[in-house]
Amino acid sequence: MTININKLEKKLQIKVKNKNLLVEALTHKSIDQNFNNERLEFLGDRVIGLILSKKLLDLYPNKSEGDLDKRFAKLVNRKTCASIALLHGIENFINTIDQNHTTRINEKILSDTCEAIIGAIYVDKGFNYVKNFVLRLWDREIKKSDITVVDPKTKLQEYSLKHFKNLPIYRFLSSKGPKHNLTFKICVSIKGSKKFVGVGNSKQKAEQNAAENLLKNIDIN
């Protein structure tokens, strides 16, 4: 697959000097085990974290660390990064392949590529440029951060501690699929409950799904 970097730059409203950095950011490891976006994703994740944590400090000077952490987790989680990638059509530029000559562009690949692009822009253009870029892409999510939504795992933990003085118990059950696209199965229980199973393309997502299923059973929204 030939990646049209000029088209991507136009779509993202950016201009980089080293086009090869963007090629690297868009290359999944199923294409090349040596030249792929994993290192740039590692960097981009930290860059996004720094920019958005500082933005939250500026927006909410009177909020506690715990409150800021919940807002931050919502801004930087896989689902948010993937939705931002989809919103800007990044899935059309990702270079992936497996034995069947196709790799499904799932949430993890979208999120990782989004972070890798941020890493590439930081390396090429520096912090101030990438900061403006991240704040522009995350603008809608930042505005929504004023509404704090408690995730199912946190909600279940708070319920279990309040009523039983014990944490929920999570147990890993299984994982299946290719290395780059695993599906995890995890169960959770609290005192007096049966075990509820959750699935997801990460252990964290499977735990969230399991917690959500248990909460629905005890009629907590």
N, C-alpha and C. Protein backbone atom coordinates (compact mmCIF):
# COMPACT_ATOMS: atom_id res chain seq x y z
N MET A 1 0.84 -1.20 0.00
CA MET A 1 0.00 0.00 0.00
C MET A 1 0.87 1.25 0.00
N THR A 2 0.60 2.17 -0.91
CA THR A 2 1.30 3.45 -0.95
C THR A 2 0.51 4.48 -0.15
N ILE A 3 1.15 5.09 0.83
CA ILE A 3 0.47 6.06 1.69
C ILE A 3 0.60 7.45 1.09
N ASN A 4 -0.53 8.10 0.87
CA ASN A 4 -0.55 9.45 0.32
C ASN A 4 -0.38 10.46 1.46
N ILE A 5 0.87 10.79 1.77
CA ILE A 5 1.16 11.66 2.89
C ILE A 5 0.64 13.08 2.66
N ASN A 6 0.74 13.58 1.44
CA ASN A 6 0.26 14.93 1.14
C ASN A 6 -1.24 15.05 1.41
N LYS A 7 -1.97 14.01 1.05
CA LYS A 7 -3.42 14.00 1.29
C LYS A 7 -3.71 13.98 2.78
N LEU A 8 -2.94 13.20 3.53
CA LEU A 8 -3.13 13.13 4.98
C LEU A 8 -2.82 14.48 5.63
N GLU A 9 -1.73 15.10 5.19
CA GLU A 9 -1.37 16.41 5.73
C GLU A 9 -2.49 17.43 5.51
N LYS A 10 -3.05 17.40 4.33
CA LYS A 10 -4.14 18.32 4.01
C LYS A 10 -5.35 18.04 4.90
N LYS A 11 -5.65 16.77 5.10
CA LYS A 11 -6.80 16.37 5.92
C LYS A 11 -6.61 16.79 7.38
N LEU A 12 -5.39 16.65 7.89
CA LEU A 12 -5.11 16.98 9.28
C LEU A 12 -4.69 18.45 9.47
N GLN A 13 -4.54 19.16 8.37
CA GLN A 13 -4.12 20.57 8.39
C GLN A 13 -2.76 20.73 9.05
N ILE A 14 -1.81 19.91 8.61
CA ILE A 14 -0.45 19.97 9.12
C ILE A 14 0.53 19.96 7.95
N LYS A 15 1.79 20.25 8.25
CA LYS A 15 2.86 20.16 7.25
C LYS A 15 4.13 19.76 7.97
N VAL A 16 4.66 18.58 7.62
CA VAL A 16 5.88 18.11 8.26
C VAL A 16 7.04 18.13 7.26
N LYS A 17 8.24 18.22 7.79
CA LYS A 17 9.43 18.23 6.93
C LYS A 17 9.83 16.80 6.56
N ASN A 18 9.85 15.93 7.55
CA ASN A 18 10.28 14.54 7.33
C ASN A 18 9.05 13.66 7.11
N LYS A 19 8.67 13.47 5.86
CA LYS A 19 7.48 12.68 5.52
C LYS A 19 7.61 11.23 5.98
N ASN A 20 8.83 10.74 6.07
CA ASN A 20 9.06 9.36 6.45
C ASN A 20 8.57 9.07 7.87
N LEU A 21 8.57 10.11 8.71
CA LEU A 21 8.05 9.94 10.07
C LEU A 21 6.57 9.60 10.05
N LEU A 22 5.83 10.25 9.17
CA LEU A 22 4.40 9.94 9.06
C LEU A 22 4.17 8.56 8.45
N VAL A 23 5.02 8.17 7.50
CA VAL A 23 4.93 6.82 6.93
C VAL A 23 5.13 5.79 8.05
N GLU A 24 6.13 6.03 8.89
CA GLU A 24 6.40 5.14 10.02
C GLU A 24 5.20 5.10 10.97
N ALA A 25 4.62 6.26 11.25
CA ALA A 25 3.48 6.34 12.17
C ALA A 25 2.26 5.59 11.66
N LEU A 26 2.16 5.44 10.36
CA LEU A 26 1.00 4.80 9.75
C LEU A 26 1.24 3.33 9.40
N THR A 27 2.42 2.82 9.71
CA THR A 27 2.78 1.44 9.36
C THR A 27 2.58 0.51 10.55
N HIS A 28 1.67 -0.42 10.41
CA HIS A 28 1.39 -1.40 11.47
C HIS A 28 2.46 -2.49 11.46
N LYS A 29 2.68 -3.08 12.62
CA LYS A 29 3.75 -4.08 12.73
C LYS A 29 3.49 -5.34 11.91
N SER A 30 2.23 -5.54 11.46
CA SER A 30 1.94 -6.68 10.59
C SER A 30 2.61 -6.52 9.23
N ILE A 31 2.99 -5.29 8.88
CA ILE A 31 3.71 -5.02 7.63
C ILE A 31 5.20 -5.25 7.80
N ASP A 32 5.75 -4.75 8.90
CA ASP A 32 7.20 -4.79 9.10
C ASP A 32 7.48 -4.83 10.60
N GLN A 33 8.19 -5.84 11.05
CA GLN A 33 8.51 -5.98 12.48
C GLN A 33 9.56 -4.97 12.94
N ASN A 34 10.29 -4.39 12.02
CA ASN A 34 11.36 -3.45 12.38
C ASN A 34 10.95 -1.99 12.14
N PHE A 35 10.32 -1.74 11.00
CA PHE A 35 9.88 -0.38 10.68
C PHE A 35 8.37 -0.31 10.84
N ASN A 36 7.94 0.14 12.02
CA ASN A 36 6.51 0.25 12.30
C ASN A 36 6.28 1.36 13.32
N ASN A 37 5.02 1.54 13.72
CA ASN A 37 4.68 2.72 14.52
C ASN A 37 4.77 2.54 16.03
N GLU A 38 5.29 1.42 16.51
CA GLU A 38 5.27 1.16 17.95
C GLU A 38 6.09 2.17 18.75
N ARG A 39 7.26 2.55 18.28
CA ARG A 39 8.10 3.50 19.02
C ARG A 39 7.47 4.90 19.04
N LEU A 40 6.92 5.31 17.89
CA LEU A 40 6.27 6.62 17.83
C LEU A 40 4.99 6.63 18.66
N GLU A 41 4.31 5.49 18.71
CA GLU A 41 3.11 5.39 19.55
C GLU A 41 3.48 5.57 21.02
N PHE A 42 4.59 4.93 21.44
CA PHE A 42 5.10 5.06 22.81
C PHE A 42 5.34 6.54 23.15
N LEU A 43 5.96 7.25 22.23
CA LEU A 43 6.25 8.66 22.45
C LEU A 43 4.97 9.50 22.42
N GLY A 44 4.13 9.25 21.43
CA GLY A 44 2.91 10.03 21.28
C GLY A 44 1.99 9.93 22.48
N ASP A 45 1.92 8.76 23.07
CA ASP A 45 1.11 8.55 24.27
C ASP A 45 1.54 9.50 25.39
N ARG A 46 2.86 9.65 25.57
CA ARG A 46 3.38 10.54 26.62
C ARG A 46 3.16 12.00 26.27
N VAL A 47 3.30 12.33 25.01
CA VAL A 47 3.09 13.73 24.57
C VAL A 47 1.64 14.14 24.79
N ILE A 48 0.72 13.30 24.39
CA ILE A 48 -0.71 13.57 24.59
C ILE A 48 -1.00 13.73 26.08
N GLY A 49 -0.44 12.83 26.88
CA GLY A 49 -0.67 12.89 28.32
C GLY A 49 -0.21 14.19 28.93
N LEU A 50 0.96 14.66 28.54
CA LEU A 50 1.50 15.91 29.08
C LEU A 50 0.62 17.09 28.68
N ILE A 51 0.25 17.15 27.41
CA ILE A 51 -0.54 18.28 26.91
C ILE A 51 -1.92 18.34 27.57
N LEU A 52 -2.58 17.20 27.65
CA LEU A 52 -3.95 17.19 28.17
C LEU A 52 -3.99 17.31 29.69
N SER A 53 -3.00 16.78 30.39
CA SER A 53 -2.98 16.95 31.85
C SER A 53 -2.77 18.42 32.21
N LYS A 54 -1.90 19.12 31.46
CA LYS A 54 -1.70 20.55 31.71
C LYS A 54 -2.96 21.34 31.38
N LYS A 55 -3.65 20.95 30.31
CA LYS A 55 -4.90 21.62 29.94
C LYS A 55 -5.94 21.46 31.03
N LEU A 56 -6.04 20.29 31.61
CA LEU A 56 -7.01 20.06 32.68
C LEU A 56 -6.66 20.87 33.94
N LEU A 57 -5.37 20.98 34.24
CA LEU A 57 -4.95 21.81 35.38
C LEU A 57 -5.39 23.26 35.18
N ASP A 58 -5.25 23.75 33.95
CA ASP A 58 -5.64 25.13 33.65
C ASP A 58 -7.16 25.31 33.71
N LEU A 59 -7.89 24.31 33.22
CA LEU A 59 -9.35 24.42 33.16
C LEU A 59 -10.01 24.27 34.53
N TYR A 60 -9.44 23.42 35.37
CA TYR A 60 -10.07 23.10 36.65
C TYR A 60 -9.10 23.31 37.82
N PRO A 61 -8.79 24.56 38.13
CA PRO A 61 -7.78 24.85 39.17
C PRO A 61 -8.20 24.42 40.58
N ASN A 62 -9.49 24.20 40.79
CA ASN A 62 -9.96 23.87 42.13
C ASN A 62 -10.35 22.40 42.30
N LYS A 63 -10.13 21.59 41.27
CA LYS A 63 -10.50 20.19 41.35
C LYS A 63 -9.38 19.37 41.99
N SER A 64 -9.78 18.26 42.63
CA SER A 64 -8.81 17.39 43.30
C SER A 64 -8.05 16.54 42.28
N GLU A 65 -6.97 15.91 42.75
CA GLU A 65 -6.19 15.04 41.88
C GLU A 65 -7.05 13.88 41.37
N GLY A 66 -7.89 13.32 42.26
CA GLY A 66 -8.75 12.22 41.86
C GLY A 66 -9.74 12.60 40.78
N ASP A 67 -10.31 13.79 40.90
CA ASP A 67 -11.26 14.28 39.91
C ASP A 67 -10.55 14.51 38.56
N LEU A 68 -9.39 15.13 38.62
CA LEU A 68 -8.63 15.38 37.40
C LEU A 68 -8.23 14.07 36.72
N ASP A 69 -7.90 13.08 37.54
CA ASP A 69 -7.47 11.80 36.99
C ASP A 69 -8.61 11.12 36.22
N LYS A 70 -9.84 11.23 36.72
CA LYS A 70 -10.99 10.65 36.03
C LYS A 70 -11.23 11.35 34.69
N ARG A 71 -11.13 12.67 34.69
CA ARG A 71 -11.32 13.42 33.45
C ARG A 71 -10.21 13.08 32.45
N PHE A 72 -8.99 12.97 32.97
CA PHE A 72 -7.84 12.65 32.13
C PHE A 72 -8.00 11.28 31.49
N ALA A 73 -8.40 10.29 32.30
CA ALA A 73 -8.56 8.92 31.79
C ALA A 73 -9.58 8.88 30.65
N LYS A 74 -10.61 9.68 30.76
CA LYS A 74 -11.63 9.73 29.71
C LYS A 74 -11.05 10.33 28.42
N LEU A 75 -10.18 11.32 28.56
CA LEU A 75 -9.62 12.01 27.40
C LEU A 75 -8.61 11.16 26.64
N VAL A 76 -7.86 10.32 27.35
CA VAL A 76 -6.73 9.62 26.71
C VAL A 76 -6.97 8.14 26.51
N ASN A 77 -8.17 7.64 26.85
CA ASN A 77 -8.36 6.20 26.70
C ASN A 77 -8.43 5.79 25.23
N ARG A 78 -8.36 4.49 25.02
CA ARG A 78 -8.31 3.94 23.66
C ARG A 78 -9.52 4.34 22.83
N LYS A 79 -10.69 4.31 23.45
CA LYS A 79 -11.92 4.63 22.72
C LYS A 79 -11.89 6.06 22.19
N THR A 80 -11.44 7.00 23.02
CA THR A 80 -11.39 8.40 22.61
C THR A 80 -10.38 8.60 21.48
N CYS A 81 -9.19 8.04 21.65
CA CYS A 81 -8.16 8.18 20.60
C CYS A 81 -8.64 7.58 19.28
N ALA A 82 -9.30 6.43 19.36
CA ALA A 82 -9.81 5.78 18.15
C ALA A 82 -10.90 6.61 17.49
N SER A 83 -11.78 7.20 18.29
CA SER A 83 -12.86 8.00 17.72
C SER A 83 -12.32 9.25 17.04
N ILE A 84 -11.26 9.83 17.61
CA ILE A 84 -10.62 10.99 16.99
C ILE A 84 -9.98 10.59 15.65
N ALA A 85 -9.35 9.42 15.64
CA ALA A 85 -8.76 8.91 14.39
C ALA A 85 -9.83 8.71 13.32
N LEU A 86 -10.95 8.13 13.71
CA LEU A 86 -12.05 7.90 12.77
C LEU A 86 -12.64 9.21 12.26
N LEU A 87 -12.79 10.16 13.16
CA LEU A 87 -13.36 11.46 12.81
C LEU A 87 -12.55 12.14 11.71
N HIS A 88 -11.25 11.89 11.70
CA HIS A 88 -10.37 12.53 10.71
C HIS A 88 -9.95 11.59 9.58
N GLY A 89 -10.61 10.45 9.50
CA GLY A 89 -10.37 9.55 8.37
C GLY A 89 -9.01 8.89 8.34
N ILE A 90 -8.36 8.76 9.50
CA ILE A 90 -7.01 8.20 9.54
C ILE A 90 -6.99 6.73 9.13
N GLU A 91 -8.12 6.03 9.33
CA GLU A 91 -8.16 4.60 8.99
C GLU A 91 -7.88 4.36 7.50
N ASN A 92 -8.11 5.36 6.67
CA ASN A 92 -7.89 5.20 5.23
C ASN A 92 -6.41 5.26 4.83
N PHE A 93 -5.56 5.61 5.79
CA PHE A 93 -4.13 5.76 5.50
C PHE A 93 -3.25 4.72 6.20
N ILE A 94 -3.85 3.90 7.05
CA ILE A 94 -3.07 2.93 7.83
C ILE A 94 -2.64 1.76 6.94
N ASN A 95 -1.38 1.39 7.03
CA ASN A 95 -0.80 0.31 6.23
C ASN A 95 -0.73 -0.95 7.07
N THR A 96 -1.63 -1.91 6.80
CA THR A 96 -1.66 -3.17 7.56
C THR A 96 -1.79 -4.34 6.61
N ILE A 97 -1.31 -5.49 7.05
CA ILE A 97 -1.47 -6.72 6.27
C ILE A 97 -1.21 -7.90 7.19
N ASP A 98 -1.88 -9.03 6.93
CA ASP A 98 -1.56 -10.27 7.63
C ASP A 98 -1.50 -11.40 6.59
N GLN A 99 -1.58 -12.62 7.05
CA GLN A 99 -1.44 -13.75 6.12
C GLN A 99 -2.54 -13.78 5.07
N ASN A 100 -3.68 -13.23 5.41
CA ASN A 100 -4.80 -13.18 4.46
C ASN A 100 -4.84 -11.87 3.69
N HIS A 101 -3.74 -11.12 3.80
CA HIS A 101 -3.60 -9.84 3.11
C HIS A 101 -4.60 -8.79 3.58
N THR A 102 -5.03 -8.93 4.81
CA THR A 102 -5.91 -7.91 5.37
C THR A 102 -5.86 -7.98 6.89
N THR A 103 -5.78 -6.86 7.54
CA THR A 103 -5.89 -6.77 8.98
C THR A 103 -7.03 -5.81 9.29
N ARG A 104 -7.99 -6.27 10.08
CA ARG A 104 -9.13 -5.42 10.41
C ARG A 104 -8.66 -4.20 11.20
N ILE A 105 -9.06 -3.03 10.76
CA ILE A 105 -8.68 -1.80 11.45
C ILE A 105 -9.57 -1.67 12.68
N ASN A 106 -9.10 -2.22 13.79
CA ASN A 106 -9.91 -2.20 15.00
C ASN A 106 -9.57 -0.98 15.87
N GLU A 107 -10.23 -0.92 17.02
CA GLU A 107 -10.07 0.24 17.92
C GLU A 107 -8.63 0.42 18.38
N LYS A 108 -7.96 -0.69 18.68
CA LYS A 108 -6.58 -0.61 19.15
C LYS A 108 -5.65 -0.05 18.08
N ILE A 109 -5.80 -0.54 16.86
CA ILE A 109 -4.95 -0.07 15.76
C ILE A 109 -5.19 1.42 15.50
N LEU A 110 -6.46 1.83 15.53
CA LEU A 110 -6.79 3.24 15.34
C LEU A 110 -6.16 4.11 16.43
N SER A 111 -6.32 3.68 17.68
CA SER A 111 -5.79 4.44 18.81
C SER A 111 -4.26 4.52 18.75
N ASP A 112 -3.61 3.39 18.49
CA ASP A 112 -2.15 3.35 18.41
C ASP A 112 -1.63 4.26 17.29
N THR A 113 -2.32 4.24 16.16
CA THR A 113 -1.89 5.06 15.03
C THR A 113 -2.07 6.54 15.33
N CYS A 114 -3.16 6.87 15.99
CA CYS A 114 -3.38 8.27 16.39
C CYS A 114 -2.24 8.75 17.28
N GLU A 115 -1.86 7.95 18.25
CA GLU A 115 -0.77 8.31 19.16
C GLU A 115 0.56 8.40 18.40
N ALA A 116 0.77 7.49 17.46
CA ALA A 116 2.01 7.49 16.68
C ALA A 116 2.13 8.75 15.82
N ILE A 117 1.02 9.19 15.26
CA ILE A 117 1.03 10.43 14.47
C ILE A 117 1.42 11.62 15.35
N ILE A 118 0.88 11.65 16.56
CA ILE A 118 1.25 12.72 17.51
C ILE A 118 2.75 12.67 17.80
N GLY A 119 3.27 11.45 17.99
CA GLY A 119 4.70 11.30 18.24
C GLY A 119 5.53 11.78 17.08
N ALA A 120 5.10 11.46 15.86
CA ALA A 120 5.83 11.88 14.65
C ALA A 120 5.83 13.40 14.51
N ILE A 121 4.70 14.03 14.76
CA ILE A 121 4.62 15.49 14.65
C ILE A 121 5.49 16.17 15.69
N TYR A 122 5.51 15.59 16.90
CA TYR A 122 6.37 16.15 17.96
C TYR A 122 7.84 16.10 17.55
N VAL A 123 8.28 14.95 17.03
CA VAL A 123 9.68 14.81 16.62
C VAL A 123 10.02 15.80 15.51
N ASP A 124 9.10 15.97 14.57
CA ASP A 124 9.36 16.80 13.39
C ASP A 124 9.20 18.30 13.66
N LYS A 125 8.19 18.67 14.43
CA LYS A 125 7.83 20.09 14.55
C LYS A 125 8.02 20.69 15.95
N GLY A 126 8.26 19.85 16.95
CA GLY A 126 8.48 20.38 18.29
C GLY A 126 7.21 20.47 19.12
N PHE A 127 7.38 20.86 20.39
CA PHE A 127 6.28 20.77 21.35
C PHE A 127 5.17 21.78 21.09
N ASN A 128 5.49 23.03 20.84
CA ASN A 128 4.44 24.04 20.67
C ASN A 128 3.52 23.71 19.49
N TYR A 129 4.11 23.24 18.41
CA TYR A 129 3.31 22.88 17.23
C TYR A 129 2.38 21.72 17.54
N VAL A 130 2.93 20.66 18.15
CA VAL A 130 2.10 19.48 18.42
C VAL A 130 1.08 19.78 19.50
N LYS A 131 1.39 20.68 20.42
CA LYS A 131 0.41 21.05 21.45
C LYS A 131 -0.83 21.67 20.80
N ASN A 132 -0.63 22.59 19.89
CA ASN A 132 -1.76 23.21 19.20
C ASN A 132 -2.56 22.19 18.40
N PHE A 133 -1.84 21.25 17.80
CA PHE A 133 -2.49 20.20 17.01
C PHE A 133 -3.36 19.31 17.90
N VAL A 134 -2.81 18.87 19.03
CA VAL A 134 -3.56 18.00 19.95
C VAL A 134 -4.78 18.73 20.51
N LEU A 135 -4.60 19.97 20.93
CA LEU A 135 -5.73 20.71 21.49
C LEU A 135 -6.83 20.94 20.45
N ARG A 136 -6.44 21.07 19.20
CA ARG A 136 -7.44 21.23 18.14
C ARG A 136 -8.20 19.93 17.93
N LEU A 137 -7.47 18.80 17.85
CA LEU A 137 -8.13 17.52 17.64
C LEU A 137 -9.00 17.11 18.83
N TRP A 138 -8.56 17.44 20.02
CA TRP A 138 -9.27 17.04 21.24
C TRP A 138 -10.26 18.11 21.72
N ASP A 139 -10.48 19.14 20.96
CA ASP A 139 -11.29 20.27 21.43
C ASP A 139 -12.66 19.82 21.92
N ARG A 140 -13.35 19.02 21.12
CA ARG A 140 -14.70 18.56 21.49
C ARG A 140 -14.68 17.72 22.77
N GLU A 141 -13.68 16.84 22.89
CA GLU A 141 -13.58 15.99 24.07
C GLU A 141 -13.23 16.80 25.32
N ILE A 142 -12.38 17.81 25.15
CA ILE A 142 -12.02 18.67 26.28
C ILE A 142 -13.24 19.41 26.80
N LYS A 143 -14.07 19.89 25.89
CA LYS A 143 -15.30 20.60 26.30
C LYS A 143 -16.25 19.66 27.03
N LYS A 144 -16.27 18.40 26.61
CA LYS A 144 -17.13 17.42 27.27
C LYS A 144 -16.57 16.97 28.62
N SER A 145 -15.31 17.28 28.91
CA SER A 145 -14.68 16.82 30.14
C SER A 145 -15.30 17.45 31.38
N ASP A 146 -16.10 18.49 31.18
CA ASP A 146 -16.77 19.11 32.33
C ASP A 146 -17.85 18.19 32.89
N ILE A 147 -18.26 17.20 32.09
CA ILE A 147 -19.23 16.21 32.54
C ILE A 147 -18.47 14.94 32.88
N THR A 148 -18.33 14.65 34.15
CA THR A 148 -17.56 13.49 34.59
C THR A 148 -18.45 12.25 34.61
N VAL A 149 -18.10 11.28 33.79
CA VAL A 149 -18.83 10.01 33.75
C VAL A 149 -18.00 8.95 34.45
N VAL A 150 -18.58 8.31 35.46
CA VAL A 150 -17.86 7.28 36.20
C VAL A 150 -17.95 5.97 35.42
N ASP A 151 -16.80 5.38 35.11
CA ASP A 151 -16.78 4.14 34.33
C ASP A 151 -17.28 2.97 35.18
N PRO A 152 -17.75 1.88 34.54
CA PRO A 152 -18.35 0.76 35.28
C PRO A 152 -17.43 0.13 36.33
N LYS A 153 -16.15 0.01 36.03
CA LYS A 153 -15.23 -0.62 36.98
C LYS A 153 -15.11 0.22 38.26
N THR A 154 -15.01 1.54 38.09
CA THR A 154 -14.94 2.42 39.25
C THR A 154 -16.24 2.39 40.04
N LYS A 155 -17.36 2.39 39.31
CA LYS A 155 -18.68 2.37 39.96
C LYS A 155 -18.87 1.10 40.77
N LEU A 156 -18.45 -0.04 40.20
CA LEU A 156 -18.57 -1.32 40.92
C LEU A 156 -17.67 -1.35 42.13
N GLN A 157 -16.47 -0.81 41.99
CA GLN A 157 -15.54 -0.76 43.12
C GLN A 157 -16.13 0.06 44.27
N GLU A 158 -16.69 1.22 43.94
CA GLU A 158 -17.28 2.08 44.97
C GLU A 158 -18.46 1.39 45.65
N TYR A 159 -19.27 0.68 44.87
CA TYR A 159 -20.42 -0.05 45.42
C TYR A 159 -19.97 -1.16 46.36
N SER A 160 -18.98 -1.94 45.92
CA SER A 160 -18.51 -3.07 46.71
C SER A 160 -17.86 -2.61 48.02
N LEU A 161 -17.08 -1.56 47.95
CA LEU A 161 -16.43 -1.04 49.15
C LEU A 161 -17.46 -0.48 50.14
N LYS A 162 -18.47 0.18 49.61
CA LYS A 162 -19.50 0.79 50.47
C LYS A 162 -20.33 -0.27 51.19
N HIS A 163 -20.71 -1.34 50.47
CA HIS A 163 -21.62 -2.32 51.03
C HIS A 163 -20.93 -3.51 51.71
N PHE A 164 -19.73 -3.87 51.23
CA PHE A 164 -19.09 -5.09 51.73
C PHE A 164 -17.67 -4.87 52.27
N LYS A 165 -17.15 -3.65 52.12
CA LYS A 165 -15.78 -3.34 52.56
C LYS A 165 -14.73 -4.19 51.86
N ASN A 166 -15.06 -4.71 50.68
CA ASN A 166 -14.14 -5.51 49.89
C ASN A 166 -14.14 -5.05 48.44
N LEU A 167 -13.00 -5.23 47.77
CA LEU A 167 -12.90 -4.91 46.36
C LEU A 167 -13.51 -6.02 45.52
N PRO A 168 -14.02 -5.71 44.33
CA PRO A 168 -14.45 -6.76 43.41
C PRO A 168 -13.28 -7.66 43.06
N ILE A 169 -13.58 -8.91 42.74
CA ILE A 169 -12.54 -9.88 42.39
C ILE A 169 -12.60 -10.16 40.89
N TYR A 170 -11.52 -9.84 40.18
CA TYR A 170 -11.43 -10.09 38.74
C TYR A 170 -10.52 -11.29 38.49
N ARG A 171 -10.95 -12.15 37.57
CA ARG A 171 -10.12 -13.30 37.22
C ARG A 171 -10.02 -13.42 35.70
N PHE A 172 -8.78 -13.59 35.24
CA PHE A 172 -8.53 -13.79 33.81
C PHE A 172 -8.97 -15.19 33.41
N LEU A 173 -9.76 -15.28 32.34
CA LEU A 173 -10.25 -16.58 31.88
C LEU A 173 -9.52 -17.08 30.64
N SER A 174 -9.42 -16.23 29.62
CA SER A 174 -8.78 -16.70 28.39
C SER A 174 -8.49 -15.53 27.46
N SER A 175 -7.68 -15.81 26.45
CA SER A 175 -7.44 -14.86 25.36
C SER A 175 -7.31 -15.66 24.08
N LYS A 176 -7.80 -15.11 22.97
CA LYS A 176 -7.70 -15.81 21.70
C LYS A 176 -7.56 -14.82 20.56
N GLY A 177 -7.07 -15.33 19.44
CA GLY A 177 -6.88 -14.50 18.27
C GLY A 177 -5.41 -14.24 18.01
N PRO A 178 -5.08 -13.57 16.88
CA PRO A 178 -3.69 -13.24 16.57
C PRO A 178 -3.12 -12.25 17.57
N LYS A 179 -1.80 -12.21 17.70
CA LYS A 179 -1.15 -11.38 18.71
C LYS A 179 -1.56 -9.92 18.63
N HIS A 180 -1.71 -9.40 17.41
CA HIS A 180 -2.02 -7.99 17.26
C HIS A 180 -3.52 -7.71 17.36
N ASN A 181 -4.33 -8.76 17.58
CA ASN A 181 -5.78 -8.55 17.64
C ASN A 181 -6.41 -9.56 18.60
N LEU A 182 -5.91 -9.60 19.83
CA LEU A 182 -6.40 -10.55 20.82
C LEU A 182 -7.76 -10.13 21.38
N THR A 183 -8.56 -11.13 21.74
CA THR A 183 -9.80 -10.90 22.47
C THR A 183 -9.65 -11.55 23.85
N PHE A 184 -9.88 -10.76 24.90
CA PHE A 184 -9.71 -11.24 26.27
C PHE A 184 -11.06 -11.52 26.91
N LYS A 185 -11.08 -12.53 27.79
CA LYS A 185 -12.27 -12.86 28.55
C LYS A 185 -11.91 -12.86 30.04
N ILE A 186 -12.64 -12.06 30.81
CA ILE A 186 -12.36 -11.89 32.24
C ILE A 186 -13.68 -11.93 32.99
N CYS A 187 -13.68 -12.51 34.19
CA CYS A 187 -14.90 -12.51 35.00
C CYS A 187 -14.69 -11.69 36.27
N VAL A 188 -15.80 -11.24 36.85
CA VAL A 188 -15.75 -10.45 38.08
C VAL A 188 -16.88 -10.89 39.00
N SER A 189 -16.63 -10.79 40.29
CA SER A 189 -17.68 -11.06 41.27
C SER A 189 -17.47 -10.18 42.48
N ILE A 190 -18.56 -9.95 43.21
CA ILE A 190 -18.48 -9.27 44.50
C ILE A 190 -19.15 -10.19 45.52
N LYS A 191 -19.10 -9.83 46.78
CA LYS A 191 -19.64 -10.68 47.84
C LYS A 191 -21.11 -11.00 47.57
N GLY A 192 -21.41 -12.31 47.54
CA GLY A 192 -22.79 -12.74 47.37
C GLY A 192 -23.27 -12.81 45.93
N SER A 193 -22.41 -12.44 44.97
CA SER A 193 -22.84 -12.46 43.56
C SER A 193 -22.25 -13.66 42.84
N LYS A 194 -22.86 -13.99 41.71
CA LYS A 194 -22.23 -14.97 40.84
C LYS A 194 -21.17 -14.26 40.00
N LYS A 195 -20.44 -15.04 39.20
CA LYS A 195 -19.40 -14.45 38.36
C LYS A 195 -20.00 -13.96 37.04
N PHE A 196 -19.60 -12.75 36.65
CA PHE A 196 -20.07 -12.18 35.40
C PHE A 196 -18.89 -12.01 34.45
N VAL A 197 -19.07 -12.45 33.22
CA VAL A 197 -18.00 -12.48 32.24
C VAL A 197 -18.05 -11.23 31.36
N GLY A 198 -16.87 -10.72 31.03
CA GLY A 198 -16.76 -9.61 30.10
C GLY A 198 -15.72 -9.93 29.04
N VAL A 199 -15.88 -9.38 27.86
CA VAL A 199 -14.92 -9.58 26.77
C VAL A 199 -14.50 -8.22 26.22
N GLY A 200 -13.30 -8.19 25.65
CA GLY A 200 -12.80 -6.95 25.06
C GLY A 200 -11.46 -7.18 24.40
N ASN A 201 -11.00 -6.20 23.60
CA ASN A 201 -9.72 -6.37 22.91
C ASN A 201 -8.54 -5.89 23.75
N SER A 202 -8.78 -5.70 25.05
CA SER A 202 -7.72 -5.50 26.04
C SER A 202 -8.25 -6.01 27.37
N LYS A 203 -7.35 -6.29 28.30
CA LYS A 203 -7.79 -6.77 29.62
C LYS A 203 -8.63 -5.71 30.32
N GLN A 204 -8.24 -4.44 30.16
CA GLN A 204 -8.98 -3.36 30.78
C GLN A 204 -10.41 -3.28 30.25
N LYS A 205 -10.56 -3.42 28.92
CA LYS A 205 -11.90 -3.36 28.34
C LYS A 205 -12.74 -4.55 28.76
N ALA A 206 -12.12 -5.72 28.86
CA ALA A 206 -12.85 -6.91 29.31
C ALA A 206 -13.31 -6.73 30.75
N GLU A 207 -12.46 -6.14 31.60
CA GLU A 207 -12.84 -5.88 32.98
C GLU A 207 -13.99 -4.87 33.06
N GLN A 208 -13.93 -3.84 32.24
CA GLN A 208 -15.00 -2.85 32.21
C GLN A 208 -16.31 -3.50 31.78
N ASN A 209 -16.25 -4.36 30.77
CA ASN A 209 -17.44 -5.05 30.28
C ASN A 209 -18.02 -5.98 31.34
N ALA A 210 -17.14 -6.69 32.05
CA ALA A 210 -17.59 -7.59 33.11
C ALA A 210 -18.27 -6.79 34.23
N ALA A 211 -17.64 -5.69 34.63
CA ALA A 211 -18.22 -4.83 35.68
C ALA A 211 -19.58 -4.28 35.25
N GLU A 212 -19.68 -3.89 33.99
CA GLU A 212 -20.93 -3.37 33.45
C GLU A 212 -22.03 -4.43 33.51
N ASN A 213 -21.69 -5.67 33.18
CA ASN A 213 -22.67 -6.76 33.20
C ASN A 213 -23.14 -7.05 34.63
N LEU A 214 -22.23 -6.98 35.59
CA LEU A 214 -22.62 -7.21 36.98
C LEU A 214 -23.51 -6.08 37.49
N LEU A 215 -23.16 -4.85 37.15
CA LEU A 215 -23.96 -3.70 37.57
C LEU A 215 -25.37 -3.76 37.01
N LYS A 216 -25.50 -4.21 35.77
CA LYS A 216 -26.83 -4.35 35.17
C LYS A 216 -27.65 -5.38 35.92
N ASN A 217 -26.99 -6.46 36.38
CA ASN A 217 -27.69 -7.52 37.10
C ASN A 217 -28.24 -7.04 38.44
N ILE A 218 -27.51 -6.14 39.10
CA ILE A 218 -27.99 -5.62 40.38
C ILE A 218 -28.71 -4.29 40.21
N ASP A 219 -29.01 -3.98 38.94
CA ASP A 219 -29.84 -2.83 38.57
C ASP A 219 -29.24 -1.49 39.03
N ILE A 220 -27.92 -1.34 38.73
CA ILE A 220 -27.26 -0.05 38.99
C ILE A 220 -26.78 0.49 37.65
N ASN A 221 -27.27 1.69 37.32
CA ASN A 221 -26.92 2.30 36.03
C ASN A 221 -25.68 3.18 36.17
